[in-house]
Amino acid sequence: VGSEMCIRDSIYTILTPEEKFIIRILEENEEGLKQSEIVKKSKLSKVKVSRMIKRLEGSGLISKYPYGMTNKIVLEKLPNGDSEKKSKKGNQ
């Protein structure tokens, strides 16, 4: 757990304040959230959230899965020795 926090702290230094906020929202919702719920909780525009999600997904911090007319966003576990990622959640 200590090394996980060190890695997370290192990653946080390169994120924008809004991206950190999105990560915190997802940390509070381990099962993930619909992209539209992130827009509501963050009070940011759809476009801004979409761009941040794309950047965070590219960095491997989150995963995005189709979910009806929106996407399900899931925070990925940080590497801790095993390479297995969090399983896909939120199938309809």
Protein backbone atom coordinates (compact mmCIF):
# COMPACT_ATOMS: atom_id res chain seq x y z
CA VAL A 1 0.00 0.00 0.00
CA GLY A 2 2.90 2.38 0.74
CA SER A 3 4.40 1.95 -2.72
CA GLU A 4 0.95 2.39 -4.28
CA MET A 5 0.57 5.75 -2.52
CA CYS A 6 4.06 6.80 -3.68
CA ILE A 7 3.18 5.94 -7.29
CA ARG A 8 -0.17 7.74 -7.00
CA ASP A 9 1.55 10.82 -5.53
CA SER A 10 4.02 10.82 -8.45
CA ILE A 11 1.19 10.58 -10.98
CA TYR A 12 -0.76 13.35 -9.23
CA THR A 13 2.09 15.81 -9.83
CA ILE A 14 1.51 15.69 -13.61
CA LEU A 15 -2.29 15.96 -13.50
CA THR A 16 -4.27 19.18 -13.75
CA PRO A 17 -6.44 20.14 -10.75
CA GLU A 18 -9.56 19.13 -12.72
CA GLU A 19 -8.06 15.74 -13.59
CA LYS A 20 -7.20 15.18 -9.92
CA PHE A 21 -10.82 16.00 -9.08
CA ILE A 22 -12.08 13.42 -11.61
CA ILE A 23 -9.73 10.82 -10.08
CA ARG A 24 -11.04 11.63 -6.59
CA ILE A 25 -14.64 11.25 -7.78
CA LEU A 26 -13.78 7.83 -9.22
CA GLU A 27 -11.90 6.81 -6.05
CA GLU A 28 -15.13 7.40 -4.13
CA ASN A 29 -17.05 5.22 -6.61
CA GLU A 30 -15.01 2.02 -7.01
CA GLU A 31 -17.60 0.44 -9.30
CA GLY A 32 -17.11 3.30 -11.76
CA LEU A 33 -19.47 5.98 -12.98
CA LYS A 34 -21.25 6.87 -16.17
CA GLN A 35 -19.52 9.73 -17.96
CA SER A 36 -22.71 11.79 -17.59
CA GLU A 37 -22.56 11.30 -13.80
CA ILE A 38 -18.99 12.60 -13.75
CA VAL A 39 -20.19 15.70 -15.64
CA LYS A 40 -22.90 16.27 -13.01
CA LYS A 41 -20.63 15.65 -10.01
CA SER A 42 -17.75 17.74 -11.35
CA LYS A 43 -19.94 20.58 -12.68
CA LEU A 44 -17.60 20.75 -15.69
CA SER A 45 -18.76 20.84 -19.29
CA LYS A 46 -19.32 17.63 -21.26
CA VAL A 47 -16.53 18.62 -23.65
CA LYS A 48 -14.02 19.30 -20.86
CA VAL A 49 -14.84 16.01 -19.10
CA SER A 50 -14.59 14.13 -22.39
CA ARG A 51 -11.14 15.58 -23.10
CA MET A 52 -9.90 14.85 -19.57
CA ILE A 53 -11.20 11.28 -19.74
CA LYS A 54 -9.41 10.77 -23.05
CA ARG A 55 -6.13 12.02 -21.54
CA LEU A 56 -6.53 9.96 -18.35
CA GLU A 57 -7.40 6.87 -20.41
CA GLY A 58 -4.30 7.43 -22.55
CA SER A 59 -2.16 7.53 -19.41
CA GLY A 60 -3.67 4.24 -18.21
CA LEU A 61 -5.25 5.70 -15.07
CA ILE A 62 -8.82 4.96 -16.13
CA SER A 63 -10.69 2.74 -18.56
CA LYS A 64 -13.73 3.71 -20.61
CA TYR A 65 -16.37 1.20 -21.66
CA PRO A 66 -19.50 1.75 -23.79
CA TYR A 67 -22.58 1.92 -21.57
CA GLY A 68 -25.83 2.64 -23.40
CA MET A 69 -25.72 6.15 -24.85
CA THR A 70 -22.78 7.11 -22.62
CA ASN A 71 -19.61 5.50 -21.26
CA LYS A 72 -18.77 3.78 -17.99
CA ILE A 73 -15.54 5.15 -16.52
CA VAL A 74 -13.54 2.95 -14.15
CA LEU A 75 -10.42 3.89 -12.20
CA GLU A 76 -7.65 1.38 -12.87
CA LYS A 77 -5.64 -0.14 -10.05
CA LEU A 78 -2.07 1.02 -9.92
CA PRO A 79 0.63 -1.56 -10.61
CA ASN A 80 1.59 -3.46 -7.47
CA GLY A 81 3.57 -6.38 -8.80
CA ASP A 82 0.86 -8.10 -10.83
CA SER A 83 -0.20 -6.85 -14.23
CA GLU A 84 -3.89 -7.70 -13.92
CA LYS A 85 -6.21 -4.73 -14.40
CA LYS A 86 -9.53 -4.18 -12.71
CA SER A 87 -12.20 -6.22 -14.46
CA LYS A 88 -14.68 -4.55 -16.78
CA LYS A 89 -17.74 -3.51 -14.82
CA GLY A 90 -21.15 -2.13 -15.65
CA ASN A 91 -22.37 -4.40 -18.42
CA GLN A 92 -25.99 -3.73 -19.22
